[in-house]
Amino acid sequence: MTVHVVQSGESLWQIANQYQFPVAAIIEVNGLPSANTIIPGLALYIPDEASIQIRPYIVKEEDTLWQLSNRFNTTIEAILQANPRIDPSQLSIGQRLLIPTPLKPQIETLGFIIPYSPESTLPILRTLSNSLTYVAVVSYSFTTQGNAYMLLEDTEVVRESNRLGITPLLMIRNFTSAGFDAELAGNVIGNPVYRRNLIDSLIRFVNEKEYGGVSLDIEFIPPERRKEFNLFLTELKTALGSRILHVNVHAKTEDLPTNRIVGAYDYQEIGAIADIVAVMTIDYGYPGGPPDPVAPLWWMAQVVRYATSLIDSRKIQIAFPLYGYDWRVIDNTTNALSVNRAQNQAISTNTVIEFEPVAASPWYQYWTGTQEHIVWFEDIRSYQKKYNLVDQYQLLGVTYWQLNLPAPQNWFYLNNQFIVT
């Protein structure tokens, strides 16, 4: 694969000729508004059909070069050539290698979708059907007595997901008109009767709608409900049987049992109960806060190292944002926008896109009158680094918030470099 970062004075026609790749295809893959204007710092993805990938790998106990060459269908000589500084007789646990291989990594992906209308959601599902293992349908909340109820009609999106071979999961959130409700979560989870009501009503909806399981996004659970939350998960998994229990948890790099955001999430226990644990490695930079990367690579790596120390890596998904944030610097007023819109806003304002290497995140600055704006978002460079993290730690896969937001570079890269199971 090739990533071309536009330099001052270049045109799209010059770049297309350089790589012998059609202009129309570059526009499609990168979601460009036209062929007429590109800007310095814009990262363009030029897919190819390379037969060999260079995949990252972390050495584990009892690994040898002979075993690795067999596992990755390569040769010891090729591994040594890609890693000239290693001692082939002394691999050490935790050592990082690059493995040339014809084998693509396999992952399981989940996209969140808000079913505003069949007209808007069904075409998205059809377009992305080869890119998704699961779709979490964001349609449900619950009452103060634990009865799940539907916020948005989901029948057609569930039916279409099943037809396309994507497993639909019923997403339940403690979400009200005021946002995530900590008191609602705490009261229901802490009450055995209300907890049972929630489980029973979820199972009824799962059976009635033909869901393949449940995706939980219960946030700001009071930390003192930590044990009851684990009990709720155990009871829900028992009721679901062979169907999927997918649990979304806030990201953390250490256990903070009294913290109001992450205190209720016992990673080790949740990992033992759930089929999949989706760590929300997003919103490091958040609305109303200072301008920061939405999902900086250094932070994601810390979260993954902590999570994999407690949870089987093949149960873990990490979250990729399909969005960025535009901060007005004077007061941190924040607008969310898709990664594609963020890219094209940089083009329309004729700014220069910068790339912060430690965060592995693109950003830019622009002005409306006298007001300074800073935008952090994602592009092919940041997605590539994030996917390398998934492969390096042999995680189950990725979640995407959310499918209604265009991110063509991500989908073309995923389908070119991975096998989605």
Protein backbone atom coordinates (compact mmCIF):
# COMPACT_ATOMS: atom_id res chain seq x y z
CA MET A 1 0.00 0.00 0.00
CA THR A 2 1.05 3.60 -0.51
CA VAL A 3 0.27 6.75 1.41
CA HIS A 4 1.10 9.91 -0.47
CA VAL A 5 1.25 13.12 1.57
CA VAL A 6 0.58 16.04 -0.74
CA GLN A 7 3.35 18.59 -1.10
CA SER A 8 2.96 22.23 -2.04
CA GLY A 9 2.44 22.69 -5.78
CA GLU A 10 1.34 19.12 -6.54
CA SER A 11 -1.83 18.34 -8.48
CA LEU A 12 -4.03 15.28 -8.37
CA TRP A 13 -3.20 14.55 -12.02
CA GLN A 14 0.53 14.50 -11.24
CA ILE A 15 -0.02 12.12 -8.33
CA ALA A 16 -2.26 9.84 -10.40
CA ASN A 17 0.42 9.65 -13.12
CA GLN A 18 3.13 8.97 -10.55
CA TYR A 19 1.34 5.90 -9.21
CA GLN A 20 -0.47 4.90 -12.41
CA PHE A 21 -3.73 5.06 -10.48
CA PRO A 22 -6.82 6.72 -11.98
CA VAL A 23 -7.83 10.16 -10.74
CA ALA A 24 -11.42 9.00 -10.30
CA ALA A 25 -10.27 6.13 -8.09
CA ILE A 26 -8.15 8.44 -5.92
CA ILE A 27 -11.19 10.68 -5.47
CA GLU A 28 -13.40 7.72 -4.50
CA VAL A 29 -10.96 6.04 -2.12
CA ASN A 30 -10.15 9.28 -0.34
CA GLY A 31 -13.60 10.90 -0.40
CA LEU A 32 -12.36 14.05 -2.12
CA PRO A 33 -14.89 16.69 -3.17
CA SER A 34 -13.31 17.07 -6.63
CA ALA A 35 -10.10 16.76 -8.59
CA ASN A 36 -9.58 20.51 -8.66
CA THR A 37 -8.14 21.26 -5.23
CA ILE A 38 -5.79 19.42 -2.90
CA ILE A 39 -3.75 20.92 -0.07
CA PRO A 40 -0.33 20.35 1.50
CA GLY A 41 -0.39 17.72 4.23
CA LEU A 42 -3.41 15.87 2.78
CA ALA A 43 -2.79 12.11 3.09
CA LEU A 44 -3.96 10.14 0.05
CA TYR A 45 -4.38 6.38 0.18
CA ILE A 46 -3.31 4.58 -2.99
CA PRO A 47 -4.34 0.90 -2.61
CA ASP A 48 -2.38 -1.84 -4.28
CA GLU A 49 -2.48 -5.63 -4.38
CA ALA A 50 0.82 -6.29 -2.66
CA SER A 51 1.34 -10.01 -2.09
CA ILE A 52 3.48 -9.49 1.03
CA GLN A 53 2.59 -7.51 4.14
CA ILE A 54 4.99 -6.47 6.89
CA ARG A 55 3.09 -7.30 10.06
CA PRO A 56 4.08 -6.32 13.61
CA TYR A 57 4.50 -9.09 16.17
CA ILE A 58 5.29 -9.24 19.90
CA VAL A 59 7.39 -12.25 20.91
CA LYS A 60 5.73 -14.63 23.35
CA GLU A 61 7.09 -17.36 25.58
CA GLU A 62 8.68 -20.26 23.65
CA ASP A 63 8.48 -18.46 20.28
CA THR A 64 11.28 -19.36 17.86
CA LEU A 65 12.05 -18.02 14.41
CA TRP A 66 11.29 -21.45 12.97
CA GLN A 67 7.82 -21.48 14.59
CA LEU A 68 7.13 -17.92 13.46
CA SER A 69 8.22 -18.64 9.90
CA ASN A 70 5.79 -21.58 9.76
CA ARG A 71 2.93 -19.68 11.40
CA PHE A 72 3.23 -16.74 9.02
CA ASN A 73 4.08 -18.78 5.90
CA THR A 74 7.43 -17.05 5.47
CA THR A 75 11.11 -17.89 5.94
CA ILE A 76 13.63 -17.35 8.73
CA GLU A 77 15.78 -15.47 6.23
CA ALA A 78 12.95 -13.07 5.41
CA ILE A 79 12.33 -12.39 9.13
CA LEU A 80 16.03 -11.76 9.74
CA GLN A 81 16.20 -9.42 6.76
CA ALA A 82 13.27 -7.41 8.14
CA ASN A 83 14.85 -7.33 11.62
CA PRO A 84 18.61 -6.96 11.04
CA ARG A 85 19.44 -6.15 14.68
CA ILE A 86 17.93 -9.21 16.36
CA ASP A 87 19.91 -12.17 17.67
CA PRO A 88 18.14 -15.21 16.16
CA SER A 89 19.23 -17.42 19.08
CA GLN A 90 17.96 -15.08 21.80
CA LEU A 91 14.40 -13.91 21.22
CA SER A 92 12.99 -12.31 24.36
CA ILE A 93 9.39 -12.11 25.58
CA GLY A 94 7.91 -8.75 24.61
CA GLN A 95 10.41 -8.17 21.83
CA ARG A 96 8.87 -6.48 18.79
CA LEU A 97 9.43 -7.98 15.36
CA LEU A 98 8.34 -7.23 11.82
CA ILE A 99 7.16 -10.31 9.95
CA PRO A 100 6.98 -10.34 6.12
CA THR A 101 4.05 -12.59 5.24
CA PRO A 102 1.49 -13.27 2.51
CA LEU A 103 -1.13 -13.94 5.21
CA LYS A 104 -3.60 -11.18 5.99
CA PRO A 105 -4.67 -10.79 9.63
CA GLN A 106 -8.22 -11.81 10.51
CA ILE A 107 -10.39 -9.62 12.69
CA GLU A 108 -13.99 -9.24 13.83
CA THR A 109 -15.49 -5.80 13.43
CA LEU A 110 -18.54 -4.10 14.89
CA GLY A 111 -20.20 -0.96 13.64
CA PHE A 112 -22.66 1.06 15.69
CA ILE A 113 -25.61 2.33 13.71
CA ILE A 114 -28.39 4.70 14.74
CA PRO A 115 -31.47 3.69 12.72
CA TYR A 116 -32.90 7.13 12.08
CA SER A 117 -34.73 5.75 9.05
CA PRO A 118 -34.50 2.72 6.75
CA GLU A 119 -33.75 5.09 3.85
CA SER A 120 -30.58 6.29 5.56
CA THR A 121 -29.38 3.11 7.27
CA LEU A 122 -30.06 0.24 4.87
CA PRO A 123 -27.82 1.59 2.06
CA ILE A 124 -24.99 1.96 4.59
CA LEU A 125 -25.35 -1.66 5.67
CA ARG A 126 -25.37 -2.87 2.08
CA THR A 127 -22.29 -0.86 1.19
CA LEU A 128 -20.33 -2.05 4.25
CA SER A 129 -21.61 -5.63 4.43
CA ASN A 130 -18.18 -7.12 3.63
CA SER A 131 -16.56 -4.94 6.30
CA LEU A 132 -18.68 -5.92 9.30
CA THR A 133 -18.99 -8.97 11.54
CA TYR A 134 -21.52 -7.35 13.87
CA VAL A 135 -23.74 -4.30 13.85
CA ALA A 136 -24.90 -2.82 17.16
CA VAL A 137 -28.28 -1.16 16.65
CA VAL A 138 -28.50 1.91 18.88
CA SER A 139 -32.23 1.80 19.66
CA TYR A 140 -32.87 0.96 23.31
CA SER A 141 -32.83 2.42 26.80
CA PHE A 142 -34.57 1.33 30.03
CA THR A 143 -36.91 2.68 32.68
CA THR A 144 -36.29 3.27 36.37
CA GLN A 145 -37.70 -0.21 37.04
CA GLY A 146 -35.42 -1.85 34.49
CA ASN A 147 -37.81 -2.37 31.61
CA ALA A 148 -36.08 -2.03 28.24
CA TYR A 149 -37.91 0.08 25.66
CA MET A 150 -37.33 1.02 22.04
CA LEU A 151 -36.34 4.57 21.10
CA LEU A 152 -36.01 4.08 17.32
CA GLU A 153 -37.70 1.52 15.08
CA ASP A 154 -35.19 -1.24 14.38
CA THR A 155 -37.11 -3.99 12.58
CA GLU A 156 -35.86 -3.35 9.05
CA VAL A 157 -32.22 -2.78 10.00
CA VAL A 158 -32.16 -6.05 11.99
CA ARG A 159 -33.83 -7.95 9.17
CA GLU A 160 -31.40 -6.53 6.58
CA SER A 161 -28.37 -7.25 8.78
CA ASN A 162 -29.41 -10.89 9.09
CA ARG A 163 -30.00 -11.09 5.33
CA LEU A 164 -26.51 -9.70 4.65
CA GLY A 165 -24.82 -12.10 7.07
CA ILE A 166 -23.97 -9.42 9.64
CA THR A 167 -24.86 -10.41 13.20
CA PRO A 168 -27.15 -7.72 14.70
CA LEU A 169 -26.76 -6.92 18.40
CA LEU A 170 -29.37 -5.07 20.43
CA MET A 171 -27.61 -2.08 21.97
CA ILE A 172 -28.96 -1.02 25.36
CA ARG A 173 -27.82 2.22 27.01
CA ASN A 174 -28.72 4.12 30.18
CA PHE A 175 -29.47 7.04 27.90
CA THR A 176 -32.16 9.66 28.47
CA SER A 177 -32.95 13.09 27.04
CA ALA A 178 -30.29 14.46 29.41
CA GLY A 179 -27.59 12.01 28.28
CA PHE A 180 -26.11 9.05 30.14
CA ASP A 181 -27.86 8.75 33.51
CA ALA A 182 -25.64 7.45 36.32
CA GLU A 183 -28.49 7.32 38.84
CA LEU A 184 -30.64 5.24 36.46
CA ALA A 185 -27.80 2.75 35.95
CA GLY A 186 -26.99 2.51 39.65
CA ASN A 187 -30.56 2.06 40.82
CA VAL A 188 -31.43 -0.65 38.29
CA ILE A 189 -28.18 -2.59 38.57
CA GLY A 190 -28.27 -2.39 42.37
CA ASN A 191 -31.83 -3.75 42.65
CA PRO A 192 -32.27 -7.53 42.07
CA VAL A 193 -35.88 -7.13 40.90
CA TYR A 194 -35.12 -4.29 38.46
CA ARG A 195 -32.03 -6.12 37.24
CA ARG A 196 -34.18 -9.15 36.47
CA ASN A 197 -36.72 -6.93 34.72
CA LEU A 198 -33.97 -5.58 32.47
CA ILE A 199 -32.67 -9.05 31.60
CA ASP A 200 -36.15 -10.46 30.92
CA SER A 201 -37.17 -7.52 28.73
CA LEU A 202 -33.90 -7.67 26.79
CA ILE A 203 -34.37 -11.38 26.10
CA ARG A 204 -37.92 -10.74 24.90
CA PHE A 205 -36.71 -8.12 22.42
CA VAL A 206 -33.81 -10.32 21.29
CA ASN A 207 -36.17 -13.21 20.57
CA GLU A 208 -38.90 -11.11 19.00
CA LYS A 209 -36.58 -9.13 16.72
CA GLU A 210 -34.15 -12.00 15.95
CA TYR A 211 -31.05 -10.33 17.33
CA GLY A 212 -27.83 -12.33 17.64
CA GLY A 213 -27.11 -10.93 21.09
CA VAL A 214 -26.79 -7.79 23.18
CA SER A 215 -24.27 -4.93 23.19
CA LEU A 216 -24.21 -3.11 26.53
CA ASP A 217 -23.20 0.53 26.77
CA ILE A 218 -24.01 1.40 30.35
CA GLU A 219 -21.87 4.36 31.34
CA PHE A 220 -21.10 6.25 34.56
CA ILE A 221 -22.21 3.33 36.71
CA PRO A 222 -21.64 4.36 40.35
CA PRO A 223 -18.40 2.67 41.47
CA GLU A 224 -20.11 1.13 44.49
CA ARG A 225 -22.20 -0.96 42.05
CA ARG A 226 -19.11 -2.72 40.67
CA LYS A 227 -19.96 -6.16 42.11
CA GLU A 228 -23.63 -5.87 41.15
CA PHE A 229 -22.63 -4.97 37.59
CA ASN A 230 -20.57 -8.17 37.38
CA LEU A 231 -23.55 -10.09 38.76
CA PHE A 232 -25.82 -8.47 36.16
CA LEU A 233 -23.42 -9.52 33.37
CA THR A 234 -23.32 -13.08 34.68
CA GLU A 235 -27.10 -13.31 34.83
CA LEU A 236 -27.51 -11.74 31.38
CA LYS A 237 -24.96 -14.08 29.79
CA THR A 238 -26.73 -17.07 31.33
CA ALA A 239 -30.03 -15.86 29.86
CA LEU A 240 -28.49 -15.25 26.43
CA GLY A 241 -26.97 -18.72 26.23
CA SER A 242 -25.04 -19.08 22.97
CA ARG A 243 -25.93 -15.59 21.79
CA ILE A 244 -23.33 -12.84 22.03
CA LEU A 245 -22.78 -10.69 25.12
CA HIS A 246 -20.80 -7.67 23.96
CA VAL A 247 -19.79 -5.22 26.70
CA ASN A 248 -18.49 -1.71 26.03
CA VAL A 249 -16.23 -0.28 28.74
CA HIS A 250 -14.48 3.04 29.16
CA ALA A 251 -10.73 3.01 28.53
CA LYS A 252 -8.30 3.04 31.45
CA THR A 253 -4.63 2.31 32.04
CA GLU A 254 -4.94 1.19 35.67
CA ASP A 255 -7.68 0.09 38.04
CA LEU A 256 -9.38 3.06 39.69
CA PRO A 257 -12.17 1.48 41.75
CA THR A 258 -13.55 4.78 43.07
CA ASN A 259 -13.43 6.74 39.82
CA ARG A 260 -16.89 7.88 38.72
CA ILE A 261 -16.24 7.05 35.04
CA VAL A 262 -14.27 3.77 35.11
CA GLY A 263 -14.57 2.57 38.70
CA ALA A 264 -17.41 0.11 38.09
CA TYR A 265 -15.56 -1.69 35.28
CA ASP A 266 -13.66 -4.69 36.63
CA TYR A 267 -11.78 -5.60 33.45
CA GLN A 268 -10.72 -9.06 34.63
CA GLU A 269 -14.20 -10.13 35.75
CA ILE A 270 -15.91 -8.61 32.72
CA GLY A 271 -13.43 -10.37 30.45
CA ALA A 272 -14.22 -13.70 32.11
CA ILE A 273 -17.99 -13.26 31.70
CA ALA A 274 -18.48 -11.53 28.34
CA ASP A 275 -17.95 -12.95 24.86
CA ILE A 276 -16.46 -9.66 23.66
CA VAL A 277 -15.14 -6.65 25.60
CA ALA A 278 -15.04 -3.46 23.55
CA VAL A 279 -12.71 -0.88 25.11
CA MET A 280 -13.77 2.66 24.18
CA THR A 281 -10.40 4.05 23.09
CA ILE A 282 -12.02 7.27 21.89
CA ASP A 283 -12.69 10.78 23.16
CA TYR A 284 -9.30 11.39 24.74
CA GLY A 285 -9.96 14.80 23.23
CA TYR A 286 -13.60 15.45 24.11
CA PRO A 287 -16.30 18.08 23.52
CA GLY A 288 -15.84 21.08 25.80
CA GLY A 289 -12.31 20.06 26.76
CA PRO A 290 -9.08 21.45 25.31
CA PRO A 291 -8.23 20.61 21.67
CA ASP A 292 -6.58 17.19 21.76
CA PRO A 293 -6.40 14.11 19.52
CA VAL A 294 -9.59 12.05 19.67
CA ALA A 295 -7.71 8.74 19.86
CA PRO A 296 -3.94 9.31 20.20
CA LEU A 297 -1.87 6.23 19.47
CA TRP A 298 0.36 6.51 22.57
CA TRP A 299 -2.73 6.48 24.83
CA MET A 300 -4.40 3.65 22.93
CA ALA A 301 -1.22 1.58 23.30
CA GLN A 302 -1.19 2.13 27.07
CA VAL A 303 -4.86 1.12 27.31
CA VAL A 304 -4.28 -2.01 25.20
CA ARG A 305 -1.28 -3.08 27.29
CA TYR A 306 -3.35 -2.77 30.46
CA ALA A 307 -6.44 -4.47 29.02
CA THR A 308 -4.49 -7.43 27.61
CA SER A 309 -2.86 -7.99 31.00
CA LEU A 310 -6.33 -8.82 32.39
CA ILE A 311 -8.45 -10.00 29.43
CA ASP A 312 -7.76 -12.59 26.73
CA SER A 313 -6.64 -10.53 23.73
CA ARG A 314 -8.93 -12.57 21.46
CA LYS A 315 -11.92 -11.19 23.37
CA ILE A 316 -10.91 -7.55 23.02
CA GLN A 317 -12.05 -5.00 20.47
CA ILE A 318 -10.84 -1.41 20.57
CA ALA A 319 -12.77 1.59 19.32
CA PHE A 320 -11.86 3.62 16.22
CA PRO A 321 -13.54 6.99 15.76
CA LEU A 322 -15.09 7.76 12.38
CA TYR A 323 -15.29 11.39 13.50
CA GLY A 324 -13.19 14.34 14.56
CA TYR A 325 -13.78 17.46 16.62
CA ASP A 326 -13.60 21.13 15.66
CA TRP A 327 -12.78 23.32 18.67
CA ARG A 328 -13.28 27.08 18.80
CA VAL A 329 -10.18 27.88 20.81
CA ILE A 330 -11.43 30.92 22.73
CA ASP A 331 -14.02 28.90 24.69
CA ASN A 332 -13.56 25.24 23.58
CA THR A 333 -17.00 25.16 21.99
CA THR A 334 -16.87 21.90 20.05
CA ASN A 335 -18.55 20.55 16.92
CA ALA A 336 -18.30 16.92 15.86
CA LEU A 337 -17.85 16.06 12.19
CA SER A 338 -17.10 12.93 10.21
CA VAL A 339 -13.46 12.27 9.37
CA ASN A 340 -14.28 12.78 5.70
CA ARG A 341 -15.96 16.12 6.37
CA ALA A 342 -13.02 17.18 8.56
CA GLN A 343 -10.61 16.40 5.72
CA ASN A 344 -12.71 18.25 3.17
CA GLN A 345 -13.20 21.23 5.47
CA ALA A 346 -9.41 21.60 5.49
CA ILE A 347 -9.50 21.60 1.69
CA SER A 348 -12.34 24.15 1.54
CA THR A 349 -10.58 26.50 3.99
CA ASN A 350 -7.30 26.05 2.08
CA THR A 351 -5.33 25.23 5.20
CA VAL A 352 -2.35 22.92 5.72
CA ILE A 353 -2.89 19.58 7.45
CA GLU A 354 -0.25 18.78 10.07
CA PHE A 355 0.52 15.34 11.51
CA GLU A 356 1.52 14.83 15.14
CA PRO A 357 3.79 11.74 15.12
CA VAL A 358 3.53 10.62 18.76
CA ALA A 359 -0.27 10.74 18.73
CA ALA A 360 -0.20 9.60 15.09
CA SER A 361 -3.04 12.02 14.44
CA PRO A 362 -3.70 14.70 11.80
CA TRP A 363 -4.84 18.18 12.78
CA TYR A 364 -5.16 21.67 11.35
CA GLN A 365 -5.89 25.24 12.30
CA TYR A 366 -8.20 27.69 10.55
CA TRP A 367 -9.88 31.00 11.28
CA THR A 368 -13.42 32.32 10.98
CA GLY A 369 -12.95 36.08 11.21
CA THR A 370 -10.85 36.60 14.33
CA GLN A 371 -11.78 33.24 15.89
CA GLU A 372 -9.19 30.47 15.85
CA HIS A 373 -10.33 26.88 15.32
CA ILE A 374 -8.34 23.65 15.82
CA VAL A 375 -9.51 20.37 14.31
CA TRP A 376 -8.27 16.90 15.27
CA PHE A 377 -9.45 13.97 13.17
CA GLU A 378 -8.30 10.68 11.59
CA ASP A 379 -6.85 9.81 8.19
CA ILE A 380 -5.24 6.85 6.48
CA ARG A 381 -2.00 7.39 8.43
CA SER A 382 -3.68 7.29 11.83
CA TYR A 383 -5.91 4.36 10.89
CA GLN A 384 -2.94 2.38 9.64
CA LYS A 385 -1.13 2.85 12.97
CA LYS A 386 -4.24 1.84 14.92
CA TYR A 387 -4.73 -1.31 12.84
CA ASN A 388 -1.07 -2.20 13.42
CA LEU A 389 -1.79 -2.00 17.16
CA VAL A 390 -4.71 -4.43 16.74
CA ASP A 391 -2.52 -6.86 14.78
CA GLN A 392 0.49 -6.50 17.06
CA TYR A 393 -1.48 -7.45 20.18
CA GLN A 394 -3.57 -10.03 18.26
CA LEU A 395 -6.81 -8.42 19.38
CA LEU A 396 -10.18 -9.75 18.26
CA GLY A 397 -10.87 -6.57 16.32
CA VAL A 398 -12.35 -3.11 16.15
CA THR A 399 -15.55 -1.17 16.82
CA TYR A 400 -16.53 1.95 14.84
CA TRP A 401 -18.55 4.86 16.15
CA GLN A 402 -20.58 5.26 14.06
CA LEU A 403 -21.53 3.95 10.62
CA ASN A 404 -23.61 6.98 9.62
CA LEU A 405 -20.33 8.97 9.39
CA PRO A 406 -18.43 8.66 6.07
CA ALA A 407 -14.84 7.37 6.33
CA PRO A 408 -13.92 5.92 2.92
CA GLN A 409 -10.17 5.65 3.59
CA ASN A 410 -10.84 3.41 6.58
CA TRP A 411 -13.10 1.00 4.72
CA PHE A 412 -10.87 0.70 1.66
CA TYR A 413 -7.84 0.06 3.88
CA LEU A 414 -9.67 -2.50 6.03
CA ASN A 415 -10.83 -4.54 3.05
CA ASN A 416 -7.44 -4.35 1.35
CA GLN A 417 -5.30 -5.34 4.36
CA PHE A 418 -7.52 -7.59 6.53
CA ILE A 419 -9.88 -10.52 6.36
CA VAL A 420 -13.07 -9.61 8.21
CA THR A 421 -14.54 -12.81 9.64
